[in-house]
Amino acid sequence: MADHGTVEYATATGNDLAAHEGTYEGFVHMAFIGTLHVANILIGLAIGAVAGHWGVAACVFVLATGIALRGLMSGAKAPLAIMTVFSLLALAVTA
């Protein structure tokens, strides 16, 4: 039968739960930024290909990429979410 001794996790040296939580927060942040950036690219492609306004689409690509890079470096999520709303408004206006 199995030996039921002390719990290894509670007594192990080097428990770095804070590092694990930090890594998880970083992963969630990168997933959020990446998802919104891909959404902005798709909206830009819809503006360019469907509506035929490639100049507006290029602006969406450049702005979304810049804001996504800034969000990755600074940890901010709101600017890219606002950019996504503006991209949807640009799609509505050009369609």
C-alpha atoms as a PDB file:
ATOM      1  CA  MET A   1       0.000   0.000   0.000  1.00  0.00           C
ATOM      2  CA  ALA A   2       1.037   3.595  -0.471  1.00  0.00           C
ATOM      3  CA  ASP A   3       2.859   5.402   2.262  1.00  0.00           C
ATOM      4  CA  HIS A   4       0.986   8.504   3.413  1.00  0.00           C
ATOM      5  CA  GLY A   5       3.795  10.733   4.648  1.00  0.00           C
ATOM      6  CA  THR A   6       4.106  14.480   4.835  1.00  0.00           C
ATOM      7  CA  VAL A   7       2.992  16.664   1.978  1.00  0.00           C
ATOM      8  CA  GLU A   8       6.003  17.458  -0.176  1.00  0.00           C
ATOM      9  CA  TYR A   9       4.692  20.722  -1.631  1.00  0.00           C
ATOM     10  CA  ALA A  10       4.259  22.490   1.685  1.00  0.00           C
ATOM     11  CA  THR A  11       7.712  21.535   2.886  1.00  0.00           C
ATOM     12  CA  ALA A  12       9.630  21.852  -0.374  1.00  0.00           C
ATOM     13  CA  THR A  13      12.268  24.510  -0.659  1.00  0.00           C
ATOM     14  CA  GLY A  14      11.952  27.058  -3.405  1.00  0.00           C
ATOM     15  CA  ASN A  15       8.174  27.387  -3.486  1.00  0.00           C
ATOM     16  CA  ASP A  16       7.829  30.269  -5.920  1.00  0.00           C
ATOM     17  CA  LEU A  17       4.095  30.728  -6.181  1.00  0.00           C
ATOM     18  CA  ALA A  18       4.566  34.445  -6.862  1.00  0.00           C
ATOM     19  CA  ALA A  19       6.674  33.633  -9.938  1.00  0.00           C
ATOM     20  CA  HIS A  20       4.042  31.179 -11.169  1.00  0.00           C
ATOM     21  CA  GLU A  21       1.288  33.759 -10.736  1.00  0.00           C
ATOM     22  CA  GLY A  22       3.386  36.373 -12.530  1.00  0.00           C
ATOM     23  CA  THR A  23       3.954  34.019 -15.445  1.00  0.00           C
ATOM     24  CA  TYR A  24       0.241  33.262 -15.639  1.00  0.00           C
ATOM     25  CA  GLU A  25      -0.649  36.969 -15.596  1.00  0.00           C
ATOM     26  CA  GLY A  26       1.863  37.574 -18.386  1.00  0.00           C
ATOM     27  CA  PHE A  27       0.372  34.770 -20.451  1.00  0.00           C
ATOM     28  CA  VAL A  28      -3.171  36.081 -19.994  1.00  0.00           C
ATOM     29  CA  HIS A  29      -2.027  39.595 -20.941  1.00  0.00           C
ATOM     30  CA  MET A  30      -0.251  38.374 -24.082  1.00  0.00           C
ATOM     31  CA  ALA A  31      -3.287  36.300 -25.072  1.00  0.00           C
ATOM     32  CA  PHE A  32      -5.573  39.323 -24.622  1.00  0.00           C
ATOM     33  CA  ILE A  33      -3.308  41.654 -26.616  1.00  0.00           C
ATOM     34  CA  GLY A  34      -2.761  39.036 -29.328  1.00  0.00           C
ATOM     35  CA  THR A  35      -6.459  38.310 -29.702  1.00  0.00           C
ATOM     36  CA  LEU A  36      -7.385  41.972 -30.041  1.00  0.00           C
ATOM     37  CA  HIS A  37      -4.514  42.583 -32.451  1.00  0.00           C
ATOM     38  CA  VAL A  38      -5.668  39.738 -34.683  1.00  0.00           C
ATOM     39  CA  ALA A  39      -9.218  41.135 -34.508  1.00  0.00           C
ATOM     40  CA  ASN A  40      -7.904  44.536 -35.626  1.00  0.00           C
ATOM     41  CA  ILE A  41      -6.026  42.956 -38.521  1.00  0.00           C
ATOM     42  CA  LEU A  42      -9.172  41.119 -39.627  1.00  0.00           C
ATOM     43  CA  ILE A  43     -11.212  44.309 -39.388  1.00  0.00           C
ATOM     44  CA  GLY A  44      -8.540  46.102 -41.438  1.00  0.00           C
ATOM     45  CA  LEU A  45      -8.671  43.369 -44.066  1.00  0.00           C
ATOM     46  CA  ALA A  46     -12.444  43.696 -44.186  1.00  0.00           C
ATOM     47  CA  ILE A  47     -12.135  47.457 -44.658  1.00  0.00           C
ATOM     48  CA  GLY A  48      -9.597  47.024 -47.448  1.00  0.00           C
ATOM     49  CA  ALA A  49     -10.892  43.992 -49.303  1.00  0.00           C
ATOM     50  CA  VAL A  50     -14.643  44.341 -48.910  1.00  0.00           C
ATOM     51  CA  ALA A  51     -15.043  48.110 -48.806  1.00  0.00           C
ATOM     52  CA  GLY A  52     -12.047  48.882 -51.017  1.00  0.00           C
ATOM     53  CA  HIS A  53     -10.564  51.521 -48.695  1.00  0.00           C
ATOM     54  CA  TRP A  54      -6.973  50.321 -48.441  1.00  0.00           C
ATOM     55  CA  GLY A  55      -5.755  53.666 -47.080  1.00  0.00           C
ATOM     56  CA  VAL A  56      -8.029  53.371 -44.054  1.00  0.00           C
ATOM     57  CA  ALA A  57      -7.030  49.719 -43.703  1.00  0.00           C
ATOM     58  CA  ALA A  58      -3.339  50.671 -43.704  1.00  0.00           C
ATOM     59  CA  CYS A  59      -4.005  53.190 -40.937  1.00  0.00           C
ATOM     60  CA  VAL A  60      -5.764  50.503 -38.914  1.00  0.00           C
ATOM     61  CA  PHE A  61      -2.829  48.107 -39.418  1.00  0.00           C
ATOM     62  CA  VAL A  62      -0.188  50.649 -38.395  1.00  0.00           C
ATOM     63  CA  LEU A  63      -2.090  52.051 -35.417  1.00  0.00           C
ATOM     64  CA  ALA A  64      -3.140  48.632 -34.107  1.00  0.00           C
ATOM     65  CA  THR A  65       0.394  47.277 -34.361  1.00  0.00           C
ATOM     66  CA  GLY A  66       1.858  50.290 -32.570  1.00  0.00           C
ATOM     67  CA  ILE A  67      -0.734  50.183 -29.816  1.00  0.00           C
ATOM     68  CA  ALA A  68      -0.312  46.410 -29.417  1.00  0.00           C
ATOM     69  CA  LEU A  69       3.462  46.772 -29.033  1.00  0.00           C
ATOM     70  CA  ARG A  70       2.974  49.569 -26.518  1.00  0.00           C
ATOM     71  CA  GLY A  71       0.474  47.426 -24.631  1.00  0.00           C
ATOM     72  CA  LEU A  72       2.880  44.488 -24.512  1.00  0.00           C
ATOM     73  CA  MET A  73       5.659  46.660 -23.128  1.00  0.00           C
ATOM     74  CA  SER A  74       3.618  48.702 -20.661  1.00  0.00           C
ATOM     75  CA  GLY A  75       1.022  46.159 -19.557  1.00  0.00           C
ATOM     76  CA  ALA A  76      -1.930  48.322 -20.616  1.00  0.00           C
ATOM     77  CA  LYS A  77      -5.005  46.619 -22.045  1.00  0.00           C
ATOM     78  CA  ALA A  78      -7.439  49.491 -22.511  1.00  0.00           C
ATOM     79  CA  PRO A  79      -5.743  51.307 -25.454  1.00  0.00           C
ATOM     80  CA  LEU A  80      -5.974  48.263 -27.730  1.00  0.00           C
ATOM     81  CA  ALA A  81      -9.586  47.656 -26.702  1.00  0.00           C
ATOM     82  CA  ILE A  82     -10.368  51.264 -27.614  1.00  0.00           C
ATOM     83  CA  MET A  83      -8.517  50.808 -30.917  1.00  0.00           C
ATOM     84  CA  THR A  84     -10.710  47.794 -31.655  1.00  0.00           C
ATOM     85  CA  VAL A  85     -13.823  49.923 -31.119  1.00  0.00           C
ATOM     86  CA  PHE A  86     -12.410  52.594 -33.444  1.00  0.00           C
ATOM     87  CA  SER A  87     -11.616  49.926 -36.048  1.00  0.00           C
ATOM     88  CA  LEU A  88     -15.206  48.700 -35.892  1.00  0.00           C
ATOM     89  CA  LEU A  89     -16.424  52.282 -36.299  1.00  0.00           C
ATOM     90  CA  ALA A  90     -14.125  52.708 -39.314  1.00  0.00           C
ATOM     91  CA  LEU A  91     -15.575  49.518 -40.776  1.00  0.00           C
ATOM     92  CA  ALA A  92     -19.109  50.812 -40.226  1.00  0.00           C
ATOM     93  CA  VAL A  93     -18.311  54.164 -41.846  1.00  0.00           C
ATOM     94  CA  THR A  94     -16.531  52.735 -44.886  1.00  0.00           C
ATOM     95  CA  ALA A  95     -18.996  49.917 -45.564  1.00  0.00           C
END
